[in-house]
N, C-alpha and C. Protein backbone atom coordinates (compact mmCIF):
# COMPACT_ATOMS: atom_id res chain seq x y z
N MET A 1 -57.20 11.08 11.67
CA MET A 1 -57.93 12.18 12.29
C MET A 1 -57.13 13.47 12.17
N VAL A 2 -57.77 14.55 11.77
CA VAL A 2 -57.10 15.82 11.58
C VAL A 2 -57.20 16.66 12.84
N ALA A 3 -56.09 17.24 13.24
CA ALA A 3 -56.08 18.10 14.41
C ALA A 3 -56.99 19.29 14.20
N THR A 4 -57.63 19.77 15.26
CA THR A 4 -58.55 20.89 15.15
C THR A 4 -58.01 22.13 15.82
N GLN A 5 -56.79 22.09 16.34
CA GLN A 5 -56.21 23.25 16.97
C GLN A 5 -55.04 23.78 16.16
N THR A 6 -54.91 25.08 16.14
CA THR A 6 -53.82 25.71 15.43
C THR A 6 -52.50 25.38 16.09
N PRO A 7 -51.44 25.07 15.31
CA PRO A 7 -50.12 24.94 15.90
C PRO A 7 -49.71 26.29 16.47
N SER A 8 -48.91 26.28 17.53
CA SER A 8 -48.47 27.53 18.12
C SER A 8 -47.69 28.32 17.11
N ARG A 9 -47.64 29.67 17.32
CA ARG A 9 -46.90 30.52 16.39
C ARG A 9 -45.46 30.03 16.23
N ALA A 10 -44.89 29.51 17.33
CA ALA A 10 -43.50 29.07 17.28
C ALA A 10 -43.30 27.88 16.36
N SER A 11 -44.37 27.10 16.13
CA SER A 11 -44.23 25.91 15.28
C SER A 11 -44.87 26.08 13.91
N CYS A 12 -45.25 27.32 13.60
CA CYS A 12 -45.89 27.61 12.32
C CYS A 12 -45.00 28.57 11.54
N GLY A 13 -44.58 28.15 10.35
CA GLY A 13 -43.73 28.99 9.53
C GLY A 13 -44.49 29.56 8.35
N ALA A 14 -43.80 30.38 7.57
CA ALA A 14 -44.37 30.95 6.35
C ALA A 14 -43.70 30.30 5.14
N LEU A 15 -44.46 30.17 4.07
CA LEU A 15 -43.94 29.59 2.84
C LEU A 15 -44.32 30.52 1.69
N VAL A 16 -43.33 31.17 1.11
CA VAL A 16 -43.57 32.12 0.03
C VAL A 16 -43.15 31.48 -1.29
N LEU A 17 -44.11 31.33 -2.19
CA LEU A 17 -43.85 30.73 -3.50
C LEU A 17 -43.43 31.83 -4.47
N ALA A 18 -42.17 31.75 -4.93
CA ALA A 18 -41.62 32.78 -5.80
C ALA A 18 -40.79 32.15 -6.91
N ALA A 19 -41.37 31.12 -7.53
CA ALA A 19 -40.61 30.33 -8.50
C ALA A 19 -41.04 30.49 -9.94
N GLY A 20 -42.23 31.06 -10.17
CA GLY A 20 -42.78 31.10 -11.52
C GLY A 20 -42.00 31.95 -12.51
N GLY A 21 -42.24 31.73 -13.79
CA GLY A 21 -41.53 32.43 -14.83
C GLY A 21 -42.04 33.83 -15.11
N GLY A 22 -43.29 34.12 -14.70
CA GLY A 22 -43.84 35.44 -14.96
C GLY A 22 -43.90 35.78 -16.44
N SER A 23 -44.39 34.85 -17.25
CA SER A 23 -44.33 34.98 -18.71
C SER A 23 -45.16 36.14 -19.25
N ARG A 24 -46.15 36.60 -18.51
CA ARG A 24 -47.00 37.69 -18.99
C ARG A 24 -46.36 39.06 -18.78
N PHE A 25 -45.28 39.09 -18.00
CA PHE A 25 -44.64 40.36 -17.68
C PHE A 25 -43.65 40.73 -18.79
N VAL A 26 -43.91 41.86 -19.45
CA VAL A 26 -43.03 42.33 -20.52
C VAL A 26 -42.16 43.46 -19.97
N GLY A 27 -40.87 43.23 -19.95
CA GLY A 27 -39.97 44.25 -19.42
C GLY A 27 -38.54 43.73 -19.41
N THR A 28 -37.68 44.49 -18.78
CA THR A 28 -36.26 44.14 -18.76
C THR A 28 -35.89 43.27 -17.57
N THR A 29 -36.86 42.96 -16.72
CA THR A 29 -36.58 42.16 -15.52
C THR A 29 -37.74 41.24 -15.23
N HIS A 30 -37.55 40.32 -14.32
CA HIS A 30 -38.63 39.45 -13.87
C HIS A 30 -39.61 40.27 -13.03
N LYS A 31 -40.87 39.90 -13.06
CA LYS A 31 -41.88 40.70 -12.35
C LYS A 31 -41.60 40.81 -10.85
N LEU A 32 -41.03 39.77 -10.26
CA LEU A 32 -40.76 39.81 -8.82
C LEU A 32 -39.68 40.82 -8.48
N LEU A 33 -38.85 41.15 -9.47
CA LEU A 33 -37.76 42.09 -9.25
C LEU A 33 -38.09 43.49 -9.73
N ALA A 34 -39.27 43.65 -10.34
CA ALA A 34 -39.70 44.97 -10.80
C ALA A 34 -39.84 45.90 -9.60
N LEU A 35 -39.40 47.13 -9.75
CA LEU A 35 -39.43 48.06 -8.63
C LEU A 35 -40.83 48.62 -8.43
N LEU A 36 -41.27 48.60 -7.19
CA LEU A 36 -42.55 49.16 -6.79
C LEU A 36 -42.29 50.02 -5.56
N ASP A 37 -42.51 51.31 -5.71
CA ASP A 37 -42.20 52.25 -4.63
C ASP A 37 -40.75 52.11 -4.18
N GLY A 38 -39.87 51.85 -5.16
CA GLY A 38 -38.44 51.82 -4.87
C GLY A 38 -37.89 50.49 -4.40
N ARG A 39 -38.76 49.48 -4.23
CA ARG A 39 -38.31 48.17 -3.77
C ARG A 39 -38.88 47.09 -4.68
N PRO A 40 -38.16 45.97 -4.86
CA PRO A 40 -38.69 44.89 -5.68
C PRO A 40 -40.03 44.39 -5.16
N VAL A 41 -40.89 43.99 -6.06
CA VAL A 41 -42.22 43.50 -5.69
C VAL A 41 -42.14 42.44 -4.60
N VAL A 42 -41.26 41.45 -4.78
CA VAL A 42 -41.18 40.35 -3.82
C VAL A 42 -40.65 40.82 -2.47
N ARG A 43 -39.87 41.90 -2.45
CA ARG A 43 -39.39 42.43 -1.18
C ARG A 43 -40.54 42.96 -0.34
N HIS A 44 -41.54 43.57 -0.98
CA HIS A 44 -42.73 44.03 -0.26
C HIS A 44 -43.40 42.85 0.45
N VAL A 45 -43.52 41.74 -0.29
CA VAL A 45 -44.16 40.54 0.27
C VAL A 45 -43.36 40.02 1.46
N LEU A 46 -42.05 39.88 1.28
CA LEU A 46 -41.21 39.30 2.33
C LEU A 46 -41.18 40.18 3.57
N GLU A 47 -41.20 41.49 3.39
CA GLU A 47 -41.21 42.39 4.55
C GLU A 47 -42.53 42.28 5.32
N ALA A 48 -43.63 42.12 4.60
CA ALA A 48 -44.92 41.94 5.27
C ALA A 48 -44.94 40.64 6.07
N VAL A 49 -44.41 39.58 5.48
CA VAL A 49 -44.34 38.30 6.18
C VAL A 49 -43.46 38.43 7.42
N ALA A 50 -42.33 39.09 7.27
CA ALA A 50 -41.41 39.25 8.40
C ALA A 50 -42.07 40.00 9.55
N ARG A 51 -42.83 41.03 9.24
CA ARG A 51 -43.49 41.82 10.28
C ARG A 51 -44.60 41.05 10.97
N SER A 52 -45.05 39.96 10.37
CA SER A 52 -46.11 39.14 11.00
C SER A 52 -45.57 38.34 12.17
N GLY A 53 -44.25 38.18 12.24
CA GLY A 53 -43.66 37.40 13.32
C GLY A 53 -43.47 35.94 12.99
N LEU A 54 -43.90 35.50 11.81
CA LEU A 54 -43.72 34.10 11.43
C LEU A 54 -42.26 33.81 11.11
N SER A 55 -41.78 32.67 11.57
CA SER A 55 -40.40 32.26 11.30
C SER A 55 -40.31 30.75 11.52
N PRO A 56 -39.61 30.04 10.66
CA PRO A 56 -38.84 30.53 9.52
C PRO A 56 -39.73 30.95 8.36
N ILE A 57 -39.16 31.75 7.48
CA ILE A 57 -39.79 32.10 6.22
C ILE A 57 -39.10 31.26 5.14
N ILE A 58 -39.84 30.32 4.58
CA ILE A 58 -39.30 29.45 3.53
C ILE A 58 -39.64 30.08 2.19
N VAL A 59 -38.63 30.39 1.40
CA VAL A 59 -38.83 31.03 0.11
C VAL A 59 -38.44 30.05 -1.00
N VAL A 60 -39.39 29.73 -1.86
CA VAL A 60 -39.13 28.81 -2.96
C VAL A 60 -38.85 29.60 -4.22
N THR A 61 -37.65 29.46 -4.76
CA THR A 61 -37.27 30.16 -5.99
C THR A 61 -37.26 29.19 -7.17
N GLY A 62 -37.19 29.77 -8.36
CA GLY A 62 -37.16 28.94 -9.57
C GLY A 62 -36.56 29.67 -10.74
N ALA A 63 -37.39 30.49 -11.40
CA ALA A 63 -36.97 31.15 -12.62
C ALA A 63 -35.93 32.24 -12.39
N VAL A 64 -35.93 32.82 -11.19
CA VAL A 64 -35.03 33.95 -10.94
C VAL A 64 -34.46 33.85 -9.53
N SER A 65 -33.23 34.28 -9.37
CA SER A 65 -32.58 34.28 -8.07
C SER A 65 -33.03 35.49 -7.25
N LEU A 66 -33.19 35.29 -5.96
CA LEU A 66 -33.57 36.39 -5.07
C LEU A 66 -32.43 36.75 -4.12
N THR A 67 -31.21 36.37 -4.49
CA THR A 67 -30.06 36.61 -3.63
C THR A 67 -29.90 38.08 -3.28
N GLU A 68 -30.00 38.95 -4.28
CA GLU A 68 -29.84 40.38 -4.02
C GLU A 68 -30.99 40.93 -3.20
N VAL A 69 -32.19 40.43 -3.43
CA VAL A 69 -33.35 40.90 -2.68
C VAL A 69 -33.19 40.60 -1.19
N LEU A 70 -32.57 39.47 -0.89
CA LEU A 70 -32.42 39.03 0.48
C LEU A 70 -31.05 39.39 1.06
N ALA A 71 -30.30 40.21 0.35
CA ALA A 71 -28.97 40.59 0.83
C ALA A 71 -29.04 41.40 2.11
N SER A 72 -30.08 42.20 2.27
CA SER A 72 -30.26 42.98 3.50
C SER A 72 -31.30 42.30 4.38
N PRO A 73 -31.13 42.36 5.71
CA PRO A 73 -32.04 41.66 6.63
C PRO A 73 -33.48 42.15 6.50
N LEU A 74 -34.40 41.26 6.77
CA LEU A 74 -35.81 41.61 6.81
C LEU A 74 -36.15 42.18 8.19
N PRO A 75 -37.25 42.92 8.31
CA PRO A 75 -37.66 43.46 9.61
C PRO A 75 -37.76 42.37 10.68
N GLY A 76 -37.16 42.62 11.84
CA GLY A 76 -37.20 41.62 12.91
C GLY A 76 -36.19 40.52 12.77
N ASN A 77 -35.51 40.49 11.63
CA ASN A 77 -34.46 39.50 11.36
C ASN A 77 -34.93 38.06 11.56
N PRO A 78 -36.02 37.67 10.89
CA PRO A 78 -36.48 36.27 11.00
C PRO A 78 -35.52 35.34 10.27
N GLU A 79 -35.63 34.06 10.58
CA GLU A 79 -34.85 33.08 9.83
C GLU A 79 -35.45 32.94 8.44
N VAL A 80 -34.62 33.01 7.42
CA VAL A 80 -35.07 32.85 6.04
C VAL A 80 -34.36 31.64 5.43
N VAL A 81 -35.14 30.73 4.89
CA VAL A 81 -34.59 29.54 4.25
C VAL A 81 -34.98 29.58 2.77
N VAL A 82 -34.00 29.67 1.91
CA VAL A 82 -34.26 29.71 0.47
C VAL A 82 -34.02 28.33 -0.12
N THR A 83 -35.00 27.82 -0.85
CA THR A 83 -34.86 26.52 -1.50
C THR A 83 -35.24 26.66 -2.96
N HIS A 84 -34.48 26.04 -3.83
CA HIS A 84 -34.69 26.17 -5.27
C HIS A 84 -35.49 24.99 -5.81
N ASN A 85 -36.51 25.29 -6.58
CA ASN A 85 -37.30 24.25 -7.22
C ASN A 85 -36.82 24.07 -8.66
N ALA A 86 -36.08 23.02 -8.89
CA ALA A 86 -35.56 22.75 -10.24
C ALA A 86 -36.68 22.41 -11.22
N ARG A 87 -37.85 22.05 -10.69
CA ARG A 87 -38.99 21.68 -11.53
C ARG A 87 -40.03 22.80 -11.61
N TRP A 88 -39.62 24.04 -11.40
CA TRP A 88 -40.57 25.14 -11.31
C TRP A 88 -41.45 25.27 -12.55
N GLN A 89 -40.95 24.85 -13.70
CA GLN A 89 -41.74 24.97 -14.93
C GLN A 89 -42.95 24.03 -14.97
N THR A 90 -43.00 23.05 -14.08
CA THR A 90 -44.12 22.11 -14.06
C THR A 90 -45.35 22.68 -13.37
N GLY A 91 -45.21 23.82 -12.68
CA GLY A 91 -46.36 24.43 -12.04
C GLY A 91 -46.20 24.64 -10.55
N MET A 92 -47.20 25.27 -9.97
CA MET A 92 -47.15 25.67 -8.57
C MET A 92 -47.05 24.50 -7.61
N ALA A 93 -47.66 23.37 -7.93
CA ALA A 93 -47.69 22.24 -7.01
C ALA A 93 -46.28 21.77 -6.65
N SER A 94 -45.39 21.73 -7.63
CA SER A 94 -44.03 21.28 -7.35
C SER A 94 -43.30 22.26 -6.44
N SER A 95 -43.58 23.55 -6.59
CA SER A 95 -42.97 24.55 -5.71
C SER A 95 -43.49 24.40 -4.29
N LEU A 96 -44.78 24.15 -4.16
CA LEU A 96 -45.36 23.92 -2.84
C LEU A 96 -44.71 22.72 -2.17
N GLN A 97 -44.54 21.64 -2.91
CA GLN A 97 -43.92 20.44 -2.34
C GLN A 97 -42.46 20.69 -1.97
N CYS A 98 -41.78 21.51 -2.75
CA CYS A 98 -40.39 21.85 -2.46
C CYS A 98 -40.30 22.58 -1.12
N GLY A 99 -41.22 23.51 -0.89
CA GLY A 99 -41.24 24.22 0.38
C GLY A 99 -41.64 23.34 1.54
N LEU A 100 -42.60 22.45 1.31
CA LEU A 100 -43.05 21.55 2.38
C LEU A 100 -41.94 20.59 2.80
N ALA A 101 -41.06 20.23 1.88
CA ALA A 101 -39.93 19.37 2.24
C ALA A 101 -39.07 20.03 3.31
N VAL A 102 -38.87 21.34 3.16
CA VAL A 102 -38.11 22.08 4.17
C VAL A 102 -38.90 22.15 5.48
N ALA A 103 -40.19 22.39 5.37
CA ALA A 103 -41.04 22.47 6.57
C ALA A 103 -41.02 21.16 7.35
N ARG A 104 -41.01 20.05 6.64
CA ARG A 104 -40.93 18.75 7.31
C ARG A 104 -39.59 18.58 8.02
N GLN A 105 -38.53 18.98 7.35
CA GLN A 105 -37.20 18.88 7.96
C GLN A 105 -37.12 19.70 9.24
N ARG A 106 -37.82 20.83 9.26
CA ARG A 106 -37.80 21.70 10.43
C ARG A 106 -38.79 21.27 11.50
N GLY A 107 -39.60 20.27 11.20
CA GLY A 107 -40.57 19.79 12.17
C GLY A 107 -41.71 20.75 12.44
N LEU A 108 -42.08 21.56 11.44
CA LEU A 108 -43.15 22.53 11.62
C LEU A 108 -44.51 21.82 11.68
N ALA A 109 -45.41 22.39 12.46
CA ALA A 109 -46.75 21.83 12.59
C ALA A 109 -47.73 22.46 11.62
N GLY A 110 -47.30 23.50 10.94
CA GLY A 110 -48.16 24.15 9.96
C GLY A 110 -47.37 25.19 9.19
N VAL A 111 -47.88 25.56 8.02
CA VAL A 111 -47.27 26.63 7.23
C VAL A 111 -48.37 27.55 6.72
N VAL A 112 -48.02 28.83 6.61
CA VAL A 112 -48.91 29.81 6.00
C VAL A 112 -48.33 30.11 4.62
N VAL A 113 -49.09 29.79 3.59
CA VAL A 113 -48.59 29.86 2.22
C VAL A 113 -49.11 31.10 1.49
N GLY A 114 -48.19 31.80 0.83
CA GLY A 114 -48.57 32.95 0.03
C GLY A 114 -47.69 33.05 -1.20
N LEU A 115 -48.00 34.03 -2.04
CA LEU A 115 -47.29 34.19 -3.30
C LEU A 115 -46.39 35.42 -3.27
N GLY A 116 -45.30 35.35 -4.02
CA GLY A 116 -44.34 36.44 -4.04
C GLY A 116 -44.75 37.63 -4.88
N ASP A 117 -45.89 37.54 -5.57
CA ASP A 117 -46.31 38.64 -6.44
C ASP A 117 -47.56 39.36 -5.95
N GLN A 118 -47.84 39.26 -4.63
CA GLN A 118 -49.01 39.93 -4.05
C GLN A 118 -48.56 40.93 -2.99
N PRO A 119 -48.05 42.09 -3.40
CA PRO A 119 -47.47 43.05 -2.46
C PRO A 119 -48.48 43.77 -1.58
N GLY A 120 -49.76 43.66 -1.88
CA GLY A 120 -50.77 44.37 -1.10
C GLY A 120 -51.33 43.61 0.08
N ILE A 121 -50.82 42.41 0.32
CA ILE A 121 -51.28 41.63 1.48
C ILE A 121 -50.44 42.03 2.69
N PRO A 122 -51.04 42.61 3.72
CA PRO A 122 -50.28 43.13 4.86
C PRO A 122 -49.92 42.05 5.87
N SER A 123 -49.05 42.42 6.79
CA SER A 123 -48.63 41.48 7.83
C SER A 123 -49.81 41.01 8.66
N SER A 124 -50.82 41.86 8.83
CA SER A 124 -51.98 41.48 9.65
C SER A 124 -52.71 40.28 9.07
N ALA A 125 -52.74 40.17 7.74
CA ALA A 125 -53.40 39.02 7.11
C ALA A 125 -52.64 37.74 7.41
N TRP A 126 -51.31 37.80 7.31
CA TRP A 126 -50.49 36.64 7.64
C TRP A 126 -50.70 36.24 9.10
N GLN A 127 -50.79 37.23 9.98
CA GLN A 127 -50.98 36.95 11.41
C GLN A 127 -52.32 36.30 11.68
N ARG A 128 -53.39 36.90 11.12
CA ARG A 128 -54.73 36.40 11.39
C ARG A 128 -54.91 34.96 10.89
N VAL A 129 -54.38 34.68 9.71
CA VAL A 129 -54.48 33.32 9.16
C VAL A 129 -53.68 32.35 10.02
N ALA A 130 -52.49 32.75 10.45
CA ALA A 130 -51.64 31.87 11.26
C ALA A 130 -52.29 31.53 12.59
N ASP A 131 -53.06 32.46 13.13
CA ASP A 131 -53.60 32.29 14.48
C ASP A 131 -54.99 31.66 14.52
N THR A 132 -55.52 31.25 13.37
CA THR A 132 -56.87 30.69 13.32
C THR A 132 -56.87 29.20 13.64
N ALA A 133 -57.78 28.78 14.50
CA ALA A 133 -57.85 27.37 14.91
C ALA A 133 -58.69 26.57 13.92
N ALA A 134 -58.05 26.10 12.87
CA ALA A 134 -58.70 25.27 11.86
C ALA A 134 -57.63 24.53 11.09
N PRO A 135 -57.93 23.33 10.59
CA PRO A 135 -56.94 22.61 9.80
C PRO A 135 -56.48 23.38 8.57
N ILE A 136 -57.44 24.10 7.94
CA ILE A 136 -57.12 24.95 6.79
C ILE A 136 -57.75 26.31 7.04
N ALA A 137 -56.95 27.36 6.98
CA ALA A 137 -57.46 28.72 7.15
C ALA A 137 -57.16 29.51 5.89
N VAL A 138 -58.19 30.15 5.35
CA VAL A 138 -58.07 30.87 4.08
C VAL A 138 -58.43 32.34 4.29
N ALA A 139 -57.57 33.24 3.86
CA ALA A 139 -57.86 34.67 3.95
C ALA A 139 -58.94 35.04 2.94
N THR A 140 -59.83 35.95 3.36
CA THR A 140 -60.83 36.48 2.43
C THR A 140 -60.75 38.00 2.42
N TYR A 141 -61.05 38.56 1.25
CA TYR A 141 -61.04 40.01 1.06
C TYR A 141 -62.33 40.36 0.33
N GLY A 142 -63.21 41.06 1.00
CA GLY A 142 -64.50 41.37 0.38
C GLY A 142 -65.28 40.14 0.03
N GLY A 143 -65.12 39.08 0.83
CA GLY A 143 -65.84 37.83 0.60
C GLY A 143 -65.19 36.88 -0.38
N MET A 144 -64.08 37.28 -0.98
CA MET A 144 -63.38 36.43 -1.95
C MET A 144 -62.20 35.73 -1.28
N ARG A 145 -62.09 34.44 -1.50
CA ARG A 145 -60.98 33.66 -0.95
C ARG A 145 -59.71 33.89 -1.74
N ARG A 146 -58.66 34.27 -1.04
CA ARG A 146 -57.37 34.47 -1.68
C ARG A 146 -56.27 34.01 -0.72
N ASN A 147 -55.05 34.45 -0.97
CA ASN A 147 -53.94 34.10 -0.08
C ASN A 147 -53.81 35.11 1.05
N PRO A 148 -53.10 34.73 2.12
CA PRO A 148 -52.43 33.45 2.36
C PRO A 148 -53.38 32.38 2.89
N VAL A 149 -52.87 31.16 2.89
CA VAL A 149 -53.61 29.99 3.36
C VAL A 149 -52.73 29.22 4.33
N ARG A 150 -53.27 28.90 5.51
CA ARG A 150 -52.51 28.07 6.45
C ARG A 150 -52.98 26.63 6.36
N ILE A 151 -52.02 25.70 6.32
CA ILE A 151 -52.33 24.28 6.17
C ILE A 151 -51.61 23.51 7.27
N HIS A 152 -52.37 22.76 8.04
CA HIS A 152 -51.81 21.95 9.12
C HIS A 152 -50.98 20.80 8.53
N ALA A 153 -49.93 20.44 9.22
CA ALA A 153 -49.00 19.42 8.72
C ALA A 153 -49.67 18.08 8.43
N GLU A 154 -50.73 17.75 9.16
CA GLU A 154 -51.40 16.47 8.95
C GLU A 154 -52.08 16.39 7.59
N LEU A 155 -52.18 17.52 6.90
CA LEU A 155 -52.83 17.54 5.59
C LEU A 155 -51.84 17.63 4.43
N TRP A 156 -50.58 17.80 4.73
CA TRP A 156 -49.60 18.04 3.66
C TRP A 156 -49.54 16.89 2.66
N ASP A 157 -49.71 15.66 3.13
CA ASP A 157 -49.64 14.51 2.23
C ASP A 157 -50.79 14.48 1.22
N GLN A 158 -51.83 15.28 1.48
CA GLN A 158 -52.98 15.31 0.59
C GLN A 158 -52.89 16.40 -0.48
N LEU A 159 -51.80 17.16 -0.45
CA LEU A 159 -51.62 18.24 -1.43
C LEU A 159 -51.04 17.69 -2.73
N PRO A 160 -51.37 18.30 -3.86
CA PRO A 160 -50.92 17.80 -5.17
C PRO A 160 -49.41 17.95 -5.36
N HIS A 161 -48.85 17.10 -6.21
CA HIS A 161 -47.42 17.15 -6.53
C HIS A 161 -47.18 17.72 -7.93
N ASP A 162 -48.20 17.76 -8.75
CA ASP A 162 -48.05 18.23 -10.11
C ASP A 162 -49.18 19.19 -10.47
N GLY A 163 -48.93 20.00 -11.49
CA GLY A 163 -49.96 20.93 -11.95
C GLY A 163 -49.79 22.31 -11.36
N ASP A 164 -50.74 23.17 -11.67
CA ASP A 164 -50.63 24.57 -11.27
C ASP A 164 -51.61 24.96 -10.17
N GLU A 165 -52.05 23.97 -9.40
CA GLU A 165 -52.87 24.25 -8.23
C GLU A 165 -52.12 23.80 -6.99
N GLY A 166 -52.21 24.62 -5.95
CA GLY A 166 -51.59 24.25 -4.68
C GLY A 166 -52.64 23.79 -3.70
N ALA A 167 -52.96 24.66 -2.75
CA ALA A 167 -53.92 24.31 -1.71
C ALA A 167 -55.36 24.29 -2.23
N ARG A 168 -55.61 24.92 -3.37
CA ARG A 168 -56.98 25.00 -3.87
C ARG A 168 -57.60 23.62 -4.08
N THR A 169 -56.80 22.68 -4.51
CA THR A 169 -57.32 21.32 -4.73
C THR A 169 -57.85 20.74 -3.43
N LEU A 170 -57.06 20.85 -2.37
CA LEU A 170 -57.47 20.31 -1.07
C LEU A 170 -58.67 21.07 -0.52
N ILE A 171 -58.68 22.38 -0.68
CA ILE A 171 -59.80 23.19 -0.21
C ILE A 171 -61.09 22.78 -0.91
N ARG A 172 -60.99 22.44 -2.17
CA ARG A 172 -62.16 22.06 -2.94
C ARG A 172 -62.72 20.71 -2.51
N ILE A 173 -61.84 19.76 -2.20
CA ILE A 173 -62.33 18.42 -1.87
C ILE A 173 -62.59 18.23 -0.38
N ARG A 174 -62.07 19.14 0.45
CA ARG A 174 -62.32 19.03 1.90
C ARG A 174 -62.84 20.35 2.47
N PRO A 175 -63.98 20.83 2.00
CA PRO A 175 -64.52 22.10 2.48
C PRO A 175 -64.86 22.07 3.97
N ASP A 176 -65.06 20.87 4.50
CA ASP A 176 -65.40 20.75 5.92
C ASP A 176 -64.25 21.15 6.84
N LEU A 177 -63.03 21.21 6.31
CA LEU A 177 -61.87 21.54 7.12
C LEU A 177 -61.49 23.02 7.04
N VAL A 178 -62.23 23.77 6.21
CA VAL A 178 -61.82 25.14 5.89
C VAL A 178 -62.53 26.17 6.75
N THR A 179 -61.75 27.11 7.26
CA THR A 179 -62.29 28.29 7.95
C THR A 179 -61.84 29.53 7.19
N GLU A 180 -62.77 30.43 6.91
CA GLU A 180 -62.43 31.68 6.25
C GLU A 180 -62.04 32.72 7.29
N VAL A 181 -61.03 33.50 6.97
CA VAL A 181 -60.52 34.52 7.87
C VAL A 181 -60.62 35.87 7.17
N VAL A 182 -61.45 36.75 7.68
CA VAL A 182 -61.63 38.06 7.07
C VAL A 182 -60.37 38.91 7.29
N CYS A 183 -59.81 39.43 6.20
CA CYS A 183 -58.56 40.18 6.28
C CYS A 183 -58.67 41.52 5.56
N GLU A 184 -57.83 42.44 5.96
CA GLU A 184 -57.70 43.71 5.25
C GLU A 184 -56.54 43.59 4.27
N GLY A 185 -56.57 44.43 3.25
CA GLY A 185 -55.48 44.41 2.29
C GLY A 185 -56.00 44.27 0.88
N ASN A 186 -55.07 44.20 -0.06
CA ASN A 186 -55.38 44.07 -1.47
C ASN A 186 -54.67 42.82 -2.00
N PRO A 187 -55.43 41.78 -2.34
CA PRO A 187 -54.81 40.51 -2.75
C PRO A 187 -54.46 40.41 -4.22
N HIS A 188 -54.66 41.46 -4.99
CA HIS A 188 -54.38 41.38 -6.42
C HIS A 188 -52.90 41.15 -6.66
N ASP A 189 -52.61 40.28 -7.61
CA ASP A 189 -51.21 39.98 -7.91
C ASP A 189 -50.70 40.84 -9.05
N ILE A 190 -49.41 40.78 -9.26
CA ILE A 190 -48.77 41.52 -10.34
C ILE A 190 -48.37 40.53 -11.42
N ASP A 191 -48.97 40.70 -12.60
CA ASP A 191 -48.66 39.83 -13.74
C ASP A 191 -48.02 40.58 -14.90
N THR A 192 -48.34 41.88 -15.02
CA THR A 192 -47.87 42.65 -16.16
C THR A 192 -47.23 43.95 -15.70
N SER A 193 -46.52 44.62 -16.61
CA SER A 193 -45.93 45.91 -16.29
C SER A 193 -47.02 46.95 -16.02
N ASP A 194 -48.17 46.80 -16.65
CA ASP A 194 -49.29 47.71 -16.37
C ASP A 194 -49.76 47.57 -14.93
N ASP A 195 -49.69 46.36 -14.40
CA ASP A 195 -50.06 46.15 -13.00
C ASP A 195 -49.15 46.96 -12.08
N VAL A 196 -47.87 47.00 -12.40
CA VAL A 196 -46.92 47.76 -11.60
C VAL A 196 -47.30 49.24 -11.62
N VAL A 197 -47.63 49.75 -12.80
CA VAL A 197 -48.03 51.15 -12.93
C VAL A 197 -49.27 51.43 -12.09
N ARG A 198 -50.25 50.52 -12.14
CA ARG A 198 -51.47 50.72 -11.35
C ARG A 198 -51.16 50.71 -9.86
N TRP A 199 -50.26 49.84 -9.44
CA TRP A 199 -49.88 49.78 -8.03
C TRP A 199 -49.18 51.06 -7.61
N GLU A 200 -48.30 51.58 -8.46
CA GLU A 200 -47.63 52.84 -8.15
C GLU A 200 -48.66 53.97 -7.98
N GLU A 201 -49.63 54.01 -8.85
CA GLU A 201 -50.67 55.02 -8.76
C GLU A 201 -51.49 54.86 -7.49
N HIS A 202 -51.75 53.59 -7.14
CA HIS A 202 -52.51 53.30 -5.91
C HIS A 202 -51.75 53.77 -4.68
N LEU A 203 -50.46 53.49 -4.63
CA LEU A 203 -49.66 53.90 -3.49
C LEU A 203 -49.56 55.42 -3.42
N ALA A 204 -49.42 56.06 -4.57
CA ALA A 204 -49.34 57.52 -4.60
C ALA A 204 -50.63 58.16 -4.10
N SER A 205 -51.77 57.54 -4.47
CA SER A 205 -53.06 58.10 -4.05
C SER A 205 -53.29 57.98 -2.55
N ARG A 206 -52.60 57.01 -1.95
CA ARG A 206 -52.71 56.81 -0.50
C ARG A 206 -51.66 57.60 0.27
N GLY A 207 -50.83 58.32 -0.45
CA GLY A 207 -49.82 59.13 0.20
C GLY A 207 -48.61 58.35 0.66
N ASN A 208 -48.42 57.12 0.06
CA ASN A 208 -47.28 56.29 0.47
C ASN A 208 -46.15 56.35 -0.53
N HIS A 209 -46.30 57.20 -1.53
CA HIS A 209 -45.28 57.25 -2.58
C HIS A 209 -44.03 57.96 -2.08
């Protein structure tokens, strides 16, 4: 039987997947380390998660180290646990399982999962998804399902171990457990150097440059 109540904020952590190779990004650095408004892309994500109040923040690395990115404290000084996925080349599922192993060790009742290359998702989206009373909570933007996604611990054993799908597999086969959460923000990810340019232009147009 799956629990129908959200774990308390104190027992719900964040899981940021930041292990991929970013093969489509052409440049002198990994896409997560590309500067956006003066800060690495993944730093934008981690700061938004930190401002949501979720802790611990489990960060799964793979192709690139985030040591320098995390050298300075995040807002609110949440606990940050970095775990390396030696199998990152096998796809997202292995990174998800790597993060869930830490979540199990910490005795968490749920995790809110997001990606390290989506800098436009604000802290409010992480908060709203974390606080929703459903076994699976999925953020939506303009009616489209995107990240982050909260998954109750009782469902973790049903998540895939291989391939490039994470929670989507479970969401597809168990739609009865899913609640959509309307969120503000921009869920588009950064895959190419052109994406970074577009994001810079977007921030400048909003007066945040």
